[in-house]
């Protein structure tokens, strides 16, 4: 698959041949759903257990008379009805993790990349170097010309371009990450996927290495 390469100034930067085994896979909703569900499950923080009656350090001594006090006959300050007492039927500690076959995870990422290429939502840029124009206002003007859409995920090579990172930090519609961090959930939840030449090389090497 041959794709045109652009510069950040919306000028032609030649062509690049994308590997069909990475960018030309027919997407399947069931595979993408499984990978996204796996990702979101593993992102969940563990649930902390609440302190129940046996976990609260309060006296169990009977403090009132059995009769004649005008109140109920209590004998434990850790009871749930008292301030500072244990919680009745509290939450249990839980750890949210799931496993997914490595081949399915790799296939899901290929399908996510291929889905963007198939829908025409994949843009390849030469690099993210902005030089002395690494300012938010200047970058916003460039992105309007490139047609990044409402939201864009920009993937660079081994490390993200520092100038581009600073300039895009205040743009809520643009997210930036290195190629090693590319994942199915972030690719699918953005309208446009933007890859640098270095990112394409890293992603293809990741699967064909």
N, C-alpha and C. Protein backbone atom coordinates (compact mmCIF):
# COMPACT_ATOMS: atom_id res chain seq x y z
N UNK A 1 0.85 -1.19 0.00
CA UNK A 1 0.00 0.00 0.00
C UNK A 1 0.89 1.25 0.00
N UNK A 2 0.70 2.10 -1.00
CA UNK A 2 1.51 3.31 -1.12
C UNK A 2 0.71 4.50 -0.60
N UNK A 3 1.35 5.29 0.27
CA UNK A 3 0.70 6.44 0.89
C UNK A 3 1.58 7.67 0.68
N UNK A 4 0.94 8.80 0.45
CA UNK A 4 1.69 10.05 0.29
C UNK A 4 2.16 10.56 1.65
N UNK A 5 3.36 11.06 1.67
CA UNK A 5 3.94 11.63 2.89
C UNK A 5 3.86 13.15 2.80
N UNK A 6 3.46 13.79 3.89
CA UNK A 6 3.38 15.24 3.94
C UNK A 6 4.34 15.78 4.99
N UNK A 7 4.62 17.06 4.88
CA UNK A 7 5.37 17.74 5.92
C UNK A 7 4.37 18.50 6.79
N UNK A 8 4.83 19.02 7.91
CA UNK A 8 3.94 19.79 8.78
C UNK A 8 3.47 21.08 8.12
N UNK A 9 4.15 21.48 7.05
CA UNK A 9 3.74 22.67 6.30
C UNK A 9 2.77 22.31 5.18
N UNK A 10 2.23 21.08 5.20
CA UNK A 10 1.26 20.60 4.21
C UNK A 10 1.85 20.53 2.81
N UNK A 11 3.13 20.27 2.72
CA UNK A 11 3.79 20.11 1.42
C UNK A 11 4.06 18.62 1.17
N UNK A 12 4.19 18.26 -0.07
CA UNK A 12 4.44 16.87 -0.44
C UNK A 12 5.84 16.46 0.02
N UNK A 13 5.91 15.28 0.60
CA UNK A 13 7.20 14.78 1.07
C UNK A 13 7.55 13.43 0.48
N UNK A 14 6.98 13.13 -0.69
CA UNK A 14 7.26 11.86 -1.33
C UNK A 14 6.22 10.81 -0.98
N UNK A 15 6.54 9.56 -1.23
CA UNK A 15 5.65 8.44 -0.95
C UNK A 15 6.33 7.46 -0.01
N UNK A 16 5.51 6.63 0.62
CA UNK A 16 6.03 5.57 1.47
C UNK A 16 5.21 4.32 1.23
N UNK A 17 5.88 3.18 1.16
CA UNK A 17 5.22 1.90 0.95
C UNK A 17 4.93 1.26 2.30
N UNK A 18 3.65 1.09 2.62
CA UNK A 18 3.26 0.48 3.89
C UNK A 18 3.14 -1.03 3.72
N UNK A 19 3.60 -1.75 4.71
CA UNK A 19 3.54 -3.21 4.68
C UNK A 19 2.10 -3.67 4.81
N UNK A 20 1.63 -4.44 3.82
CA UNK A 20 0.24 -4.91 3.83
C UNK A 20 -0.04 -5.88 4.96
N UNK A 21 1.00 -6.53 5.50
CA UNK A 21 0.77 -7.46 6.61
C UNK A 21 0.51 -6.72 7.92
N UNK A 22 0.77 -5.41 7.93
CA UNK A 22 0.55 -4.58 9.12
C UNK A 22 -0.59 -3.59 8.89
N UNK A 23 -0.64 -2.98 7.71
CA UNK A 23 -1.62 -1.94 7.42
C UNK A 23 -2.71 -2.38 6.44
N UNK A 24 -2.67 -3.64 6.03
CA UNK A 24 -3.65 -4.10 5.05
C UNK A 24 -4.47 -5.29 5.54
N UNK A 25 -4.57 -5.44 6.87
CA UNK A 25 -5.33 -6.56 7.44
C UNK A 25 -6.81 -6.18 7.53
N UNK A 26 -7.69 -7.10 7.16
CA UNK A 26 -9.13 -6.83 7.23
C UNK A 26 -9.56 -6.78 8.70
N UNK A 27 -10.12 -5.64 9.16
CA UNK A 27 -10.50 -5.51 10.57
C UNK A 27 -11.68 -6.41 10.94
N UNK A 28 -11.64 -6.90 12.17
CA UNK A 28 -12.74 -7.70 12.72
C UNK A 28 -13.17 -7.07 14.05
N UNK A 29 -14.46 -6.81 14.16
CA UNK A 29 -14.97 -6.14 15.36
C UNK A 29 -14.76 -6.98 16.61
N UNK A 30 -14.89 -8.30 16.48
CA UNK A 30 -14.76 -9.14 17.68
C UNK A 30 -13.34 -9.10 18.24
N UNK A 31 -12.34 -9.08 17.36
CA UNK A 31 -10.95 -9.02 17.82
C UNK A 31 -10.67 -7.67 18.47
N UNK A 32 -11.10 -6.59 17.82
CA UNK A 32 -10.88 -5.25 18.36
C UNK A 32 -11.59 -5.10 19.71
N UNK A 33 -12.79 -5.65 19.81
CA UNK A 33 -13.54 -5.56 21.07
C UNK A 33 -12.81 -6.30 22.19
N UNK A 34 -12.28 -7.47 21.90
CA UNK A 34 -11.56 -8.24 22.91
C UNK A 34 -10.32 -7.50 23.40
N UNK A 35 -9.58 -6.88 22.49
CA UNK A 35 -8.36 -6.18 22.88
C UNK A 35 -8.69 -4.93 23.69
N UNK A 36 -9.69 -4.16 23.25
CA UNK A 36 -10.06 -2.94 23.98
C UNK A 36 -10.57 -3.30 25.38
N UNK A 37 -11.38 -4.34 25.49
CA UNK A 37 -11.88 -4.76 26.79
C UNK A 37 -10.74 -5.19 27.70
N UNK A 38 -9.77 -5.91 27.15
CA UNK A 38 -8.59 -6.33 27.91
C UNK A 38 -7.79 -5.11 28.40
N UNK A 39 -7.61 -4.13 27.52
CA UNK A 39 -6.87 -2.93 27.91
C UNK A 39 -7.57 -2.18 29.04
N UNK A 40 -8.85 -1.93 28.89
CA UNK A 40 -9.58 -1.14 29.86
C UNK A 40 -9.69 -1.87 31.20
N UNK A 41 -9.79 -3.19 31.18
CA UNK A 41 -9.84 -3.95 32.42
C UNK A 41 -8.53 -3.83 33.18
N UNK A 42 -7.42 -3.92 32.48
CA UNK A 42 -6.12 -3.85 33.14
C UNK A 42 -5.75 -2.43 33.57
N UNK A 43 -6.47 -1.44 33.05
CA UNK A 43 -6.22 -0.06 33.48
C UNK A 43 -6.92 0.26 34.80
N UNK A 44 -7.88 -0.57 35.19
CA UNK A 44 -8.63 -0.29 36.40
C UNK A 44 -7.74 -0.43 37.64
N UNK A 45 -7.88 0.53 38.53
CA UNK A 45 -7.13 0.47 39.78
C UNK A 45 -7.78 -0.55 40.71
N UNK A 46 -7.00 -1.17 41.59
CA UNK A 46 -7.60 -2.13 42.52
C UNK A 46 -8.56 -1.44 43.48
N UNK A 47 -9.58 -2.17 43.91
CA UNK A 47 -10.57 -1.63 44.85
C UNK A 47 -10.11 -1.92 46.27
N UNK A 48 -10.08 -0.88 47.11
CA UNK A 48 -9.64 -1.04 48.50
C UNK A 48 -10.81 -1.54 49.34
N UNK A 49 -10.51 -2.43 50.25
CA UNK A 49 -11.55 -2.96 51.12
C UNK A 49 -11.90 -1.95 52.21
N UNK A 50 -13.19 -1.86 52.55
CA UNK A 50 -13.61 -1.01 53.66
C UNK A 50 -13.42 -1.77 54.98
N UNK A 51 -13.28 -1.02 56.06
CA UNK A 51 -13.09 -1.65 57.37
C UNK A 51 -14.44 -2.06 57.95
N UNK A 52 -14.57 -3.33 58.20
CA UNK A 52 -15.80 -3.84 58.78
C UNK A 52 -15.68 -3.91 60.30
N UNK A 53 -16.66 -4.49 60.93
CA UNK A 53 -16.74 -4.48 62.40
C UNK A 53 -15.51 -5.10 63.04
N UNK A 54 -15.01 -6.19 62.50
CA UNK A 54 -13.85 -6.86 63.08
C UNK A 54 -12.53 -6.14 62.80
N UNK A 55 -12.55 -5.16 61.87
CA UNK A 55 -11.32 -4.44 61.51
C UNK A 55 -11.15 -3.13 62.27
N UNK A 56 -12.17 -2.71 63.00
CA UNK A 56 -12.13 -1.42 63.70
C UNK A 56 -11.64 -1.64 65.13
N UNK A 57 -10.69 -0.83 65.56
CA UNK A 57 -10.14 -0.94 66.91
C UNK A 57 -10.95 -0.07 67.87
N UNK A 58 -12.05 -0.62 68.37
CA UNK A 58 -12.87 0.09 69.35
C UNK A 58 -13.21 -0.86 70.49
N UNK A 59 -13.62 -0.30 71.61
CA UNK A 59 -13.86 -1.13 72.79
C UNK A 59 -15.08 -2.03 72.62
N UNK A 60 -14.99 -3.21 73.22
CA UNK A 60 -16.12 -4.12 73.25
C UNK A 60 -16.74 -4.21 74.64
N UNK A 61 -16.31 -3.27 75.47
CA UNK A 61 -16.82 -3.27 76.85
C UNK A 61 -18.24 -2.70 76.89
N UNK A 62 -19.08 -3.32 77.72
CA UNK A 62 -20.44 -2.82 77.91
C UNK A 62 -20.37 -1.57 78.78
N UNK A 63 -20.87 -0.43 78.25
CA UNK A 63 -20.67 0.83 78.97
C UNK A 63 -21.90 1.32 79.74
N UNK A 64 -23.01 0.67 79.54
CA UNK A 64 -24.21 1.12 80.24
C UNK A 64 -24.85 -0.01 81.04
N UNK A 65 -25.84 0.36 81.80
CA UNK A 65 -26.57 -0.64 82.57
C UNK A 65 -27.48 -1.47 81.67
N UNK A 66 -27.79 -2.67 82.12
CA UNK A 66 -28.68 -3.54 81.37
C UNK A 66 -30.09 -2.94 81.32
N UNK A 67 -30.51 -2.36 82.44
CA UNK A 67 -31.85 -1.78 82.53
C UNK A 67 -31.78 -0.41 83.19
N UNK A 68 -32.80 0.39 82.92
CA UNK A 68 -32.94 1.66 83.62
C UNK A 68 -32.19 2.82 83.00
N UNK A 69 -31.45 2.61 81.94
CA UNK A 69 -30.69 3.71 81.34
C UNK A 69 -31.49 4.51 80.33
N UNK A 70 -32.61 3.98 79.89
CA UNK A 70 -33.41 4.70 78.90
C UNK A 70 -32.88 4.56 77.49
N UNK A 71 -31.88 3.74 77.27
CA UNK A 71 -31.33 3.53 75.92
C UNK A 71 -31.22 2.04 75.66
N UNK A 72 -30.88 1.71 74.43
CA UNK A 72 -30.71 0.30 74.09
C UNK A 72 -29.49 -0.26 74.79
N UNK A 73 -29.46 -1.58 74.93
CA UNK A 73 -28.39 -2.25 75.68
C UNK A 73 -27.23 -2.59 74.75
N UNK A 74 -26.36 -1.61 74.50
CA UNK A 74 -25.23 -1.83 73.59
C UNK A 74 -24.01 -2.31 74.35
N UNK A 75 -23.21 -3.10 73.63
CA UNK A 75 -22.01 -3.60 74.27
C UNK A 75 -20.79 -3.61 73.37
N UNK A 76 -20.84 -2.87 72.25
CA UNK A 76 -19.70 -2.86 71.34
C UNK A 76 -19.70 -1.56 70.54
N UNK A 77 -18.68 -0.75 70.73
CA UNK A 77 -18.58 0.52 70.01
C UNK A 77 -18.23 0.33 68.53
N UNK A 78 -17.81 -0.86 68.15
CA UNK A 78 -17.46 -1.11 66.75
C UNK A 78 -18.67 -1.43 65.90
N UNK A 79 -19.86 -1.44 66.52
CA UNK A 79 -21.07 -1.74 65.76
C UNK A 79 -21.29 -0.70 64.66
N UNK A 80 -21.84 -1.09 63.52
CA UNK A 80 -22.01 -0.17 62.38
C UNK A 80 -22.90 1.03 62.66
N UNK A 81 -23.73 0.96 63.72
CA UNK A 81 -24.66 2.08 63.98
C UNK A 81 -23.96 3.25 64.66
N UNK A 82 -22.73 3.07 65.13
CA UNK A 82 -22.02 4.14 65.82
C UNK A 82 -21.02 4.83 64.90
N UNK A 83 -20.81 6.14 65.14
CA UNK A 83 -19.77 6.88 64.41
C UNK A 83 -18.41 6.28 64.75
N UNK A 84 -17.64 5.96 63.75
CA UNK A 84 -16.35 5.33 63.97
C UNK A 84 -16.41 3.83 63.98
N UNK A 85 -17.62 3.27 63.89
CA UNK A 85 -17.77 1.82 63.86
C UNK A 85 -17.47 1.25 62.49
N UNK A 86 -17.45 -0.07 62.42
CA UNK A 86 -17.18 -0.73 61.15
C UNK A 86 -18.36 -0.63 60.20
N UNK A 87 -18.07 -0.73 58.93
CA UNK A 87 -19.13 -0.65 57.93
C UNK A 87 -19.80 -2.02 57.76
N UNK A 88 -21.11 -2.02 57.72
CA UNK A 88 -21.84 -3.27 57.51
C UNK A 88 -21.82 -3.66 56.04
N UNK A 89 -21.45 -4.89 55.76
CA UNK A 89 -21.42 -5.42 54.39
C UNK A 89 -20.59 -4.52 53.47
N UNK A 90 -19.38 -4.20 53.91
CA UNK A 90 -18.52 -3.29 53.15
C UNK A 90 -17.93 -3.92 51.90
N UNK A 91 -17.29 -3.07 51.10
CA UNK A 91 -16.68 -3.53 49.85
C UNK A 91 -15.48 -4.43 50.14
N UNK A 92 -15.30 -5.45 49.33
CA UNK A 92 -14.16 -6.34 49.45
C UNK A 92 -13.02 -5.86 48.55
N UNK A 93 -11.81 -6.22 48.93
CA UNK A 93 -10.65 -5.87 48.11
C UNK A 93 -10.69 -6.66 46.80
N UNK A 94 -10.50 -5.96 45.69
CA UNK A 94 -10.53 -6.62 44.39
C UNK A 94 -9.40 -6.10 43.51
N UNK A 95 -8.84 -6.97 42.73
CA UNK A 95 -7.82 -6.60 41.75
C UNK A 95 -8.36 -6.97 40.38
N UNK A 96 -8.45 -5.97 39.49
CA UNK A 96 -9.05 -6.18 38.18
C UNK A 96 -7.95 -6.44 37.14
N UNK A 97 -7.78 -7.67 36.78
CA UNK A 97 -6.81 -8.02 35.75
C UNK A 97 -7.42 -9.08 34.84
N UNK A 98 -6.94 -9.11 33.63
CA UNK A 98 -7.36 -10.15 32.69
C UNK A 98 -6.18 -10.47 31.79
N UNK A 99 -6.23 -11.60 31.15
CA UNK A 99 -5.15 -12.01 30.25
C UNK A 99 -5.70 -12.17 28.84
N UNK A 100 -4.84 -11.98 27.89
CA UNK A 100 -5.22 -12.14 26.48
C UNK A 100 -4.02 -12.65 25.72
N UNK A 101 -4.26 -13.60 24.85
CA UNK A 101 -3.19 -14.21 24.07
C UNK A 101 -2.39 -13.14 23.32
N UNK A 102 -1.07 -13.30 23.35
CA UNK A 102 -0.19 -12.32 22.72
C UNK A 102 -0.46 -12.18 21.22
N UNK A 103 -0.80 -13.27 20.56
CA UNK A 103 -1.09 -13.21 19.13
C UNK A 103 -2.35 -12.40 18.85
N UNK A 104 -3.33 -12.52 19.74
CA UNK A 104 -4.57 -11.76 19.57
C UNK A 104 -4.30 -10.27 19.78
N UNK A 105 -3.46 -9.93 20.75
CA UNK A 105 -3.11 -8.52 20.99
C UNK A 105 -2.40 -7.93 19.78
N UNK A 106 -1.47 -8.68 19.22
CA UNK A 106 -0.74 -8.20 18.04
C UNK A 106 -1.68 -8.06 16.86
N UNK A 107 -2.58 -9.02 16.67
CA UNK A 107 -3.53 -8.96 15.57
C UNK A 107 -4.47 -7.77 15.73
N UNK A 108 -4.88 -7.48 16.97
CA UNK A 108 -5.75 -6.34 17.23
C UNK A 108 -5.10 -5.03 16.84
N UNK A 109 -3.81 -4.88 17.15
CA UNK A 109 -3.10 -3.64 16.80
C UNK A 109 -2.97 -3.51 15.29
N UNK A 110 -2.69 -4.61 14.60
CA UNK A 110 -2.62 -4.56 13.13
C UNK A 110 -3.97 -4.14 12.55
N UNK A 111 -5.05 -4.68 13.11
CA UNK A 111 -6.38 -4.36 12.60
C UNK A 111 -6.75 -2.91 12.86
N UNK A 112 -6.33 -2.37 14.01
CA UNK A 112 -6.61 -0.97 14.31
C UNK A 112 -5.88 -0.06 13.34
N UNK A 113 -4.62 -0.37 13.05
CA UNK A 113 -3.85 0.41 12.07
C UNK A 113 -4.47 0.29 10.68
N UNK A 114 -4.88 -0.93 10.33
CA UNK A 114 -5.46 -1.16 9.02
C UNK A 114 -6.81 -0.47 8.87
N UNK A 115 -7.58 -0.41 9.98
CA UNK A 115 -8.89 0.25 9.92
C UNK A 115 -8.74 1.73 9.60
N UNK A 116 -7.74 2.38 10.19
CA UNK A 116 -7.50 3.80 9.90
C UNK A 116 -7.06 4.00 8.46
N UNK A 117 -6.20 3.10 7.98
CA UNK A 117 -5.75 3.20 6.59
C UNK A 117 -6.90 2.96 5.62
N UNK A 118 -7.76 2.00 5.94
CA UNK A 118 -8.89 1.67 5.06
C UNK A 118 -9.90 2.81 4.99
N UNK A 119 -10.12 3.50 6.12
CA UNK A 119 -11.09 4.59 6.17
C UNK A 119 -10.52 5.93 5.72
N UNK A 120 -9.27 5.95 5.31
CA UNK A 120 -8.65 7.20 4.88
C UNK A 120 -8.34 8.15 6.03
N UNK A 121 -8.23 7.61 7.23
CA UNK A 121 -7.95 8.43 8.42
C UNK A 121 -6.51 8.28 8.89
N UNK A 122 -5.65 7.81 7.99
CA UNK A 122 -4.23 7.66 8.31
C UNK A 122 -3.43 8.71 7.56
N UNK A 123 -2.66 9.49 8.29
CA UNK A 123 -1.79 10.52 7.69
C UNK A 123 -0.35 10.20 8.07
N UNK A 124 0.53 10.22 7.09
CA UNK A 124 1.95 9.99 7.33
C UNK A 124 2.69 11.31 7.08
N UNK A 125 3.44 11.75 8.09
CA UNK A 125 4.22 12.97 7.95
C UNK A 125 5.70 12.61 7.98
N UNK A 126 6.49 13.47 7.39
CA UNK A 126 7.93 13.20 7.30
C UNK A 126 8.55 13.17 8.70
N UNK A 127 8.32 14.21 9.47
CA UNK A 127 8.80 14.28 10.85
C UNK A 127 8.00 15.36 11.58
N UNK A 128 8.27 15.52 12.86
CA UNK A 128 7.54 16.49 13.68
C UNK A 128 8.39 17.69 14.07
N UNK A 129 9.48 17.88 13.36
CA UNK A 129 10.38 18.99 13.68
C UNK A 129 9.76 20.32 13.28
N UNK A 130 9.62 21.23 14.25
CA UNK A 130 9.03 22.55 13.99
C UNK A 130 10.06 23.67 14.04
N UNK A 131 11.28 23.33 14.43
CA UNK A 131 12.32 24.35 14.48
C UNK A 131 12.02 25.42 15.52
N UNK A 132 12.19 26.67 15.12
CA UNK A 132 11.95 27.79 16.04
C UNK A 132 10.46 28.13 16.18
N UNK A 133 9.63 27.50 15.35
CA UNK A 133 8.19 27.78 15.39
C UNK A 133 7.44 26.81 16.31
N UNK A 134 8.12 26.28 17.30
CA UNK A 134 7.50 25.30 18.19
C UNK A 134 6.60 26.01 19.21
N UNK A 135 5.53 26.61 18.70
CA UNK A 135 4.56 27.31 19.54
C UNK A 135 3.17 26.75 19.26
N UNK A 136 2.31 26.83 20.26
CA UNK A 136 0.97 26.25 20.13
C UNK A 136 0.18 26.90 19.00
N UNK A 137 0.23 28.22 18.90
CA UNK A 137 -0.52 28.94 17.87
C UNK A 137 -0.06 28.53 16.48
N UNK A 138 1.25 28.44 16.29
CA UNK A 138 1.79 28.06 14.99
C UNK A 138 1.41 26.62 14.64
N UNK A 139 1.46 25.73 15.63
CA UNK A 139 1.10 24.34 15.37
C UNK A 139 -0.37 24.20 15.04
N UNK A 140 -1.24 24.92 15.72
CA UNK A 140 -2.67 24.85 15.45
C UNK A 140 -2.97 25.25 14.01
N UNK A 141 -2.28 26.27 13.52
CA UNK A 141 -2.48 26.70 12.13
C UNK A 141 -2.02 25.63 11.15
N UNK A 142 -0.91 24.95 11.47
CA UNK A 142 -0.42 23.89 10.58
C UNK A 142 -1.39 22.71 10.54
N UNK A 143 -1.95 22.37 11.71
CA UNK A 143 -2.83 21.20 11.78
C UNK A 143 -4.13 21.44 11.01
N UNK A 144 -4.58 22.69 10.98
CA UNK A 144 -5.79 23.02 10.21
C UNK A 144 -5.56 22.75 8.72
N UNK A 145 -4.37 23.04 8.23
CA UNK A 145 -4.06 22.81 6.82
C UNK A 145 -3.92 21.32 6.51
N UNK A 146 -3.41 20.57 7.48
CA UNK A 146 -3.20 19.14 7.25
C UNK A 146 -4.49 18.34 7.35
N UNK A 147 -5.52 18.90 8.00
CA UNK A 147 -6.78 18.19 8.13
C UNK A 147 -6.72 17.05 9.13
N UNK A 148 -6.26 17.35 10.34
CA UNK A 148 -6.13 16.32 11.37
C UNK A 148 -7.48 15.89 11.95
N UNK A 149 -8.55 16.62 11.67
CA UNK A 149 -9.86 16.25 12.20
C UNK A 149 -10.07 16.76 13.62
N UNK A 150 -11.16 16.28 14.23
CA UNK A 150 -11.51 16.75 15.58
C UNK A 150 -10.51 16.27 16.62
N UNK A 151 -10.09 15.02 16.51
CA UNK A 151 -9.09 14.47 17.43
C UNK A 151 -8.06 13.71 16.63
N UNK A 152 -6.82 13.78 17.07
CA UNK A 152 -5.73 13.12 16.35
C UNK A 152 -4.75 12.51 17.33
N UNK A 153 -4.34 11.29 17.04
CA UNK A 153 -3.28 10.62 17.79
C UNK A 153 -2.02 10.66 16.94
N UNK A 154 -0.99 11.31 17.45
CA UNK A 154 0.26 11.46 16.71
C UNK A 154 1.28 10.49 17.31
N UNK A 155 1.83 9.63 16.48
CA UNK A 155 2.80 8.62 16.94
C UNK A 155 4.14 8.91 16.29
N UNK A 156 5.17 9.05 17.13
CA UNK A 156 6.52 9.33 16.65
C UNK A 156 7.35 8.06 16.75
N UNK A 157 8.66 8.17 16.59
CA UNK A 157 9.55 7.02 16.60
C UNK A 157 9.90 6.54 18.00
N UNK A 158 11.20 6.37 18.26
CA UNK A 158 11.65 5.89 19.57
C UNK A 158 11.26 6.86 20.68
N UNK A 159 11.39 8.14 20.41
CA UNK A 159 11.05 9.18 21.39
C UNK A 159 10.29 10.28 20.66
N UNK A 160 9.44 10.98 21.41
CA UNK A 160 8.65 12.04 20.79
C UNK A 160 9.50 13.29 20.60
N UNK A 161 9.16 14.07 19.59
CA UNK A 161 9.86 15.32 19.33
C UNK A 161 9.53 16.32 20.44
N UNK A 162 10.55 16.84 21.09
CA UNK A 162 10.35 17.71 22.26
C UNK A 162 9.61 18.99 21.89
N UNK A 163 10.01 19.63 20.79
CA UNK A 163 9.36 20.86 20.38
C UNK A 163 7.89 20.66 20.06
N UNK A 164 7.58 19.58 19.35
CA UNK A 164 6.18 19.28 19.02
C UNK A 164 5.40 18.95 20.28
N UNK A 165 6.02 18.25 21.21
CA UNK A 165 5.36 17.91 22.47
C UNK A 165 4.98 19.15 23.26
N UNK A 166 5.90 20.12 23.33
CA UNK A 166 5.61 21.37 24.04
C UNK A 166 4.52 22.17 23.34
N UNK A 167 4.57 22.21 22.01
CA UNK A 167 3.59 23.00 21.26
C UNK A 167 2.20 22.39 21.31
N UNK A 168 2.11 21.06 21.39
CA UNK A 168 0.81 20.40 21.36
C UNK A 168 0.24 20.15 22.75
N UNK A 169 0.99 20.50 23.78
CA UNK A 169 0.55 20.21 25.15
C UNK A 169 -0.77 20.90 25.49
N UNK A 170 -1.01 22.07 24.92
CA UNK A 170 -2.23 22.82 25.22
C UNK A 170 -3.32 22.62 24.16
N UNK A 171 -3.14 21.66 23.31
CA UNK A 171 -4.16 21.34 22.30
C UNK A 171 -4.89 20.07 22.74
N UNK A 172 -6.09 20.19 23.27
CA UNK A 172 -6.79 19.00 23.79
C UNK A 172 -7.17 17.98 22.73
N UNK A 173 -7.17 18.39 21.47
CA UNK A 173 -7.56 17.48 20.40
C UNK A 173 -6.40 16.64 19.88
N UNK A 174 -5.18 16.91 20.37
CA UNK A 174 -4.00 16.20 19.87
C UNK A 174 -3.32 15.47 21.02
N UNK A 175 -3.07 14.19 20.83
CA UNK A 175 -2.33 13.38 21.79
C UNK A 175 -1.10 12.82 21.10
N UNK A 176 0.00 12.79 21.84
CA UNK A 176 1.28 12.39 21.27
C UNK A 176 1.87 11.24 22.08
N UNK A 177 2.44 10.26 21.38
CA UNK A 177 3.10 9.15 22.08
C UNK A 177 4.17 8.54 21.18
N UNK A 178 5.16 7.85 21.76
CA UNK A 178 6.15 7.15 20.94
C UNK A 178 5.56 5.88 20.34
N UNK A 179 6.25 5.30 19.39
CA UNK A 179 5.75 4.12 18.70
C UNK A 179 5.56 2.95 19.65
N UNK A 180 6.40 2.87 20.69
CA UNK A 180 6.29 1.77 21.63
C UNK A 180 4.97 1.81 22.40
N UNK A 181 4.34 2.99 22.50
CA UNK A 181 3.10 3.12 23.25
C UNK A 181 1.85 2.98 22.41
N UNK A 182 1.98 2.75 21.12
CA UNK A 182 0.81 2.62 20.24
C UNK A 182 -0.05 1.45 20.69
N UNK A 183 -1.35 1.70 20.85
CA UNK A 183 -2.25 0.65 21.31
C UNK A 183 -3.61 0.80 20.64
N UNK A 184 -4.39 -0.26 20.70
CA UNK A 184 -5.67 -0.32 19.98
C UNK A 184 -6.66 0.72 20.51
N UNK A 185 -6.80 0.83 21.82
CA UNK A 185 -7.81 1.73 22.39
C UNK A 185 -7.56 3.17 21.99
N UNK A 186 -6.33 3.65 22.11
CA UNK A 186 -6.04 5.05 21.78
C UNK A 186 -6.16 5.30 20.28
N UNK A 187 -5.81 4.33 19.47
CA UNK A 187 -5.94 4.50 18.02
C UNK A 187 -7.40 4.63 17.62
N UNK A 188 -8.26 3.79 18.17
CA UNK A 188 -9.66 3.78 17.77
C UNK A 188 -10.44 4.97 18.31
N UNK A 189 -10.04 5.50 19.46
CA UNK A 189 -10.84 6.58 20.04
C UNK A 189 -10.48 7.96 19.48
N UNK A 190 -9.50 8.02 18.60
CA UNK A 190 -9.17 9.27 17.90
C UNK A 190 -9.65 9.19 16.46
N UNK A 191 -10.09 10.30 15.95
CA UNK A 191 -10.61 10.32 14.57
C UNK A 191 -9.51 10.06 13.56
N UNK A 192 -8.33 10.65 13.77
CA UNK A 192 -7.24 10.55 12.80
C UNK A 192 -6.00 9.97 13.47
N UNK A 193 -5.31 9.12 12.75
CA UNK A 193 -4.03 8.57 13.20
C UNK A 193 -2.92 9.19 12.35
N UNK A 194 -1.96 9.80 13.02
CA UNK A 194 -0.85 10.46 12.33
C UNK A 194 0.44 9.73 12.70
N UNK A 195 1.15 9.25 11.70
CA UNK A 195 2.40 8.53 11.91
C UNK A 195 3.55 9.27 11.22
N UNK A 196 4.69 9.30 11.87
CA UNK A 196 5.89 9.81 11.21
C UNK A 196 6.55 8.64 10.46
N UNK A 197 7.50 8.98 9.60
CA UNK A 197 8.23 7.91 8.91
C UNK A 197 8.89 6.97 9.92
N UNK A 198 9.45 7.56 10.97
CA UNK A 198 10.12 6.76 12.00
C UNK A 198 9.13 5.84 12.69
N UNK A 199 7.90 6.33 12.92
CA UNK A 199 6.87 5.50 13.57
C UNK A 199 6.49 4.33 12.69
N UNK A 200 6.36 4.57 11.39
CA UNK A 200 6.02 3.47 10.46
C UNK A 200 7.10 2.40 10.51
N UNK A 201 8.36 2.82 10.50
CA UNK A 201 9.46 1.85 10.54
C UNK A 201 9.44 1.05 11.83
N UNK A 202 9.19 1.72 12.95
CA UNK A 202 9.17 1.04 14.25
C UNK A 202 8.01 0.06 14.35
N UNK A 203 6.84 0.46 13.87
CA UNK A 203 5.68 -0.42 13.96
C UNK A 203 5.85 -1.65 13.05
N UNK A 204 6.40 -1.45 11.86
CA UNK A 204 6.59 -2.58 10.96
C UNK A 204 7.68 -3.52 11.51
N UNK A 205 8.73 -2.94 12.11
CA UNK A 205 9.77 -3.76 12.72
C UNK A 205 9.26 -4.51 13.94
N UNK A 206 8.28 -3.92 14.61
CA UNK A 206 7.70 -4.56 15.80
C UNK A 206 7.02 -5.89 15.46
N UNK A 207 6.41 -5.94 14.28
CA UNK A 207 5.71 -7.16 13.88
C UNK A 207 6.57 -8.07 13.00
N UNK A 208 7.52 -7.50 12.30
CA UNK A 208 8.31 -8.29 11.38
C UNK A 208 9.72 -8.56 11.88
N UNK A 209 9.99 -8.07 13.12
CA UNK A 209 11.33 -8.16 13.65
C UNK A 209 11.86 -9.56 13.80
